[in-house]
Amino acid sequence: MLKNKWLNLFFLLFILLVDVHLSNSLSRLFHDEFRIVSRILLFIFVCQVRYDKSALLYCLYALVGFLGDIYYFGTIGLTVLLFPVILYVLRRFPKFYEINLFQLFLVILLVNFFFETSLYLLAHLYQLITYPIVDFIAFSLAPSLLYNSLISLLLLLGLSKRNNW
């Protein structure tokens, strides 16, 4: 997306901070009954993987994942592992670079679902969380997917009009 690697890093860190603050604001809006997690960073991640084929993305997103782990969980290992794995999986599909707007939206939803579910499973494995999977699906995964799908759809429609996708 951005050609300058340092500007790209600061842009991603800014988006990470926006995500954290949006998530906290949405949780307070619903009085912590629903845990809606904003994942605009994943939207940018999928779009950037589609247009940037450099190997530097692995290091860049490992660093962003490291800082995200420290900021979100206070531990290292969840997103620092997931970002490079998702990047590797997306690059293994050569048709990923030729998809249309609707298919890109579906890929973003699948990446969101995989990321949220994997985070829950890893956090449960490391015993960082103790609530059951039914509560996770009902009070975190479903509202987060709805919110992120709406935001992704709005961003894709806005970018498609600007970039003639």
Protein backbone atom coordinates (compact mmCIF):
# COMPACT_ATOMS: atom_id res chain seq x y z
CA MET A 1 0.00 0.00 0.00
CA LEU A 2 2.64 2.50 1.03
CA LYS A 3 6.03 2.36 -0.67
CA ASN A 4 8.05 3.70 2.26
CA LYS A 5 8.59 0.87 4.77
CA TRP A 6 8.85 3.18 7.78
CA LEU A 7 5.74 5.11 6.84
CA ASN A 8 3.99 1.78 6.30
CA LEU A 9 5.01 0.61 9.79
CA PHE A 10 3.75 3.79 11.44
CA PHE A 11 0.52 3.61 9.43
CA LEU A 12 -0.08 0.02 10.61
CA LEU A 13 0.68 0.96 14.22
CA PHE A 14 -1.75 3.86 13.94
CA ILE A 15 -4.43 1.49 12.59
CA LEU A 16 -3.66 -0.90 15.48
CA LEU A 17 -4.27 1.91 17.96
CA VAL A 18 -7.49 2.90 16.18
CA ASP A 19 -8.65 -0.73 16.35
CA VAL A 20 -7.93 -0.94 20.07
CA HIS A 21 -9.75 2.28 20.84
CA LEU A 22 -12.73 1.38 18.64
CA SER A 23 -12.95 -2.00 20.37
CA ASN A 24 -12.86 -0.41 23.81
CA SER A 25 -15.48 2.18 22.81
CA LEU A 26 -17.79 -0.48 21.38
CA SER A 27 -17.42 -2.61 24.51
CA ARG A 28 -18.36 0.35 26.68
CA LEU A 29 -21.28 1.16 24.39
CA PHE A 30 -22.75 -2.29 25.06
CA HIS A 31 -21.78 -2.22 28.77
CA ASP A 32 -19.36 -5.13 28.28
CA GLU A 33 -22.25 -7.46 27.44
CA PHE A 34 -20.90 -7.97 23.92
CA ARG A 35 -17.21 -7.91 23.13
CA ILE A 36 -16.98 -6.39 19.65
CA VAL A 37 -13.42 -6.34 18.37
CA SER A 38 -12.56 -4.03 15.50
CA ARG A 39 -10.25 -5.60 12.90
CA ILE A 40 -9.57 -2.84 10.39
CA LEU A 41 -5.94 -3.96 10.53
CA LEU A 42 -6.96 -7.32 9.03
CA PHE A 43 -8.72 -5.52 6.18
CA ILE A 44 -5.54 -3.59 5.43
CA PHE A 45 -3.53 -6.79 5.85
CA VAL A 46 -5.52 -8.67 3.19
CA CYS A 47 -5.42 -5.73 0.78
CA GLN A 48 -1.71 -5.28 1.32
CA VAL A 49 -0.98 -8.98 0.76
CA ARG A 50 -2.86 -8.71 -2.52
CA TYR A 51 -0.78 -5.81 -3.85
CA ASP A 52 2.62 -6.19 -2.17
CA LYS A 53 4.53 -9.37 -2.95
CA SER A 54 7.70 -8.55 -1.01
CA ALA A 55 9.09 -10.81 1.69
CA LEU A 56 9.37 -7.77 3.97
CA LEU A 57 5.67 -8.18 4.83
CA TYR A 58 6.50 -11.21 7.00
CA CYS A 59 8.82 -9.11 9.17
CA LEU A 60 6.51 -6.12 9.14
CA TYR A 61 3.44 -8.05 10.29
CA ALA A 62 5.46 -10.12 12.77
CA LEU A 63 6.55 -6.82 14.35
CA VAL A 64 3.00 -5.42 14.30
CA GLY A 65 1.76 -8.73 15.75
CA PHE A 66 4.41 -8.56 18.48
CA LEU A 67 3.35 -5.04 19.46
CA GLY A 68 -0.33 -6.03 19.20
CA ASP A 69 0.27 -8.99 21.51
CA ILE A 70 1.93 -6.80 24.09
CA TYR A 71 -0.78 -4.14 23.84
CA TYR A 72 -3.80 -6.50 23.82
CA PHE A 73 -2.76 -9.50 25.92
CA GLY A 74 0.40 -8.53 27.76
CA THR A 75 2.06 -11.67 26.41
CA ILE A 76 3.87 -12.66 23.23
CA GLY A 77 2.89 -15.38 20.82
CA LEU A 78 -0.69 -15.05 19.58
CA THR A 79 -0.80 -12.55 16.74
CA VAL A 80 2.94 -12.71 16.14
CA LEU A 81 2.28 -16.31 15.09
CA LEU A 82 -1.00 -15.78 13.24
CA PHE A 83 -0.05 -12.88 10.95
CA PRO A 84 2.81 -14.72 9.16
CA VAL A 85 0.73 -17.92 8.95
CA ILE A 86 -2.21 -16.10 7.32
CA LEU A 87 0.23 -14.30 5.00
CA TYR A 88 1.76 -17.61 3.96
CA VAL A 89 -1.64 -19.23 3.36
CA LEU A 90 -2.91 -16.29 1.29
CA ARG A 91 0.20 -16.31 -0.88
CA ARG A 92 -0.22 -20.04 -1.60
CA PHE A 93 -3.37 -19.34 -3.62
CA PRO A 94 -2.32 -17.88 -6.99
CA LYS A 95 -5.92 -16.97 -7.86
CA PHE A 96 -6.01 -14.66 -4.82
CA TYR A 97 -4.39 -11.91 -6.87
CA GLU A 98 -7.10 -12.09 -9.56
CA ILE A 99 -10.30 -12.02 -7.49
CA ASN A 100 -13.10 -9.51 -7.88
CA LEU A 101 -14.54 -7.21 -5.24
CA PHE A 102 -17.13 -9.64 -3.86
CA GLN A 103 -14.58 -12.44 -3.60
CA LEU A 104 -12.17 -10.09 -1.83
CA PHE A 105 -14.94 -9.29 0.67
CA LEU A 106 -15.43 -13.03 1.29
CA VAL A 107 -11.68 -13.53 1.76
CA ILE A 108 -11.65 -10.71 4.32
CA LEU A 109 -14.55 -12.35 6.18
CA LEU A 110 -12.79 -15.73 6.15
CA VAL A 111 -9.56 -14.20 7.42
CA ASN A 112 -11.51 -12.43 10.18
CA PHE A 113 -13.21 -15.68 11.16
CA PHE A 114 -9.96 -17.65 11.11
CA PHE A 115 -8.10 -14.95 13.05
CA GLU A 116 -10.74 -14.59 15.77
CA THR A 117 -11.20 -18.34 16.19
CA SER A 118 -7.47 -19.01 16.22
CA LEU A 119 -6.93 -16.25 18.79
CA TYR A 120 -9.58 -17.80 21.01
CA LEU A 121 -8.11 -21.29 20.68
CA LEU A 122 -4.54 -20.12 21.33
CA ALA A 123 -5.61 -17.98 24.29
CA HIS A 124 -7.58 -20.91 25.68
CA LEU A 125 -4.58 -23.19 25.16
CA TYR A 126 -2.28 -20.75 26.99
CA GLN A 127 -5.00 -20.35 29.67
CA LEU A 128 -5.27 -16.62 29.13
CA ILE A 129 -9.07 -16.93 29.01
CA THR A 130 -11.45 -19.33 30.70
CA TYR A 131 -14.90 -18.71 29.21
CA PRO A 132 -16.49 -21.50 27.14
CA ILE A 133 -16.66 -21.54 23.36
CA VAL A 134 -20.44 -21.03 23.35
CA ASP A 135 -20.02 -17.70 25.14
CA PHE A 136 -17.22 -16.79 22.76
CA ILE A 137 -19.41 -17.44 19.72
CA ALA A 138 -22.48 -15.68 21.09
CA PHE A 139 -20.91 -12.67 22.78
CA SER A 140 -17.70 -12.06 20.84
CA LEU A 141 -17.37 -13.85 17.50
CA ALA A 142 -20.82 -13.18 16.02
CA PRO A 143 -21.00 -9.47 16.95
CA SER A 144 -17.40 -8.91 15.86
CA LEU A 145 -17.96 -10.60 12.50
CA LEU A 146 -21.10 -8.55 11.89
CA TYR A 147 -19.34 -5.31 12.77
CA ASN A 148 -16.20 -6.13 10.77
CA SER A 149 -18.20 -7.28 7.75
CA LEU A 150 -20.11 -3.99 7.73
CA ILE A 151 -16.90 -1.94 8.07
CA SER A 152 -15.15 -4.04 5.41
CA LEU A 153 -18.06 -3.67 3.03
CA LEU A 154 -18.10 0.11 3.50
CA LEU A 155 -14.33 0.37 3.04
CA LEU A 156 -14.37 -1.87 -0.05
CA LEU A 157 -17.19 0.09 -1.65
CA GLY A 158 -15.42 3.37 -0.91
CA LEU A 159 -12.09 2.12 -2.24
CA SER A 160 -13.66 0.49 -5.30
CA LYS A 161 -15.20 3.78 -6.40
CA ARG A 162 -11.88 5.52 -5.89
CA ASN A 163 -9.68 2.86 -7.52
CA ASN A 164 -12.09 1.50 -10.19
CA TRP A 165 -11.83 -2.12 -9.00
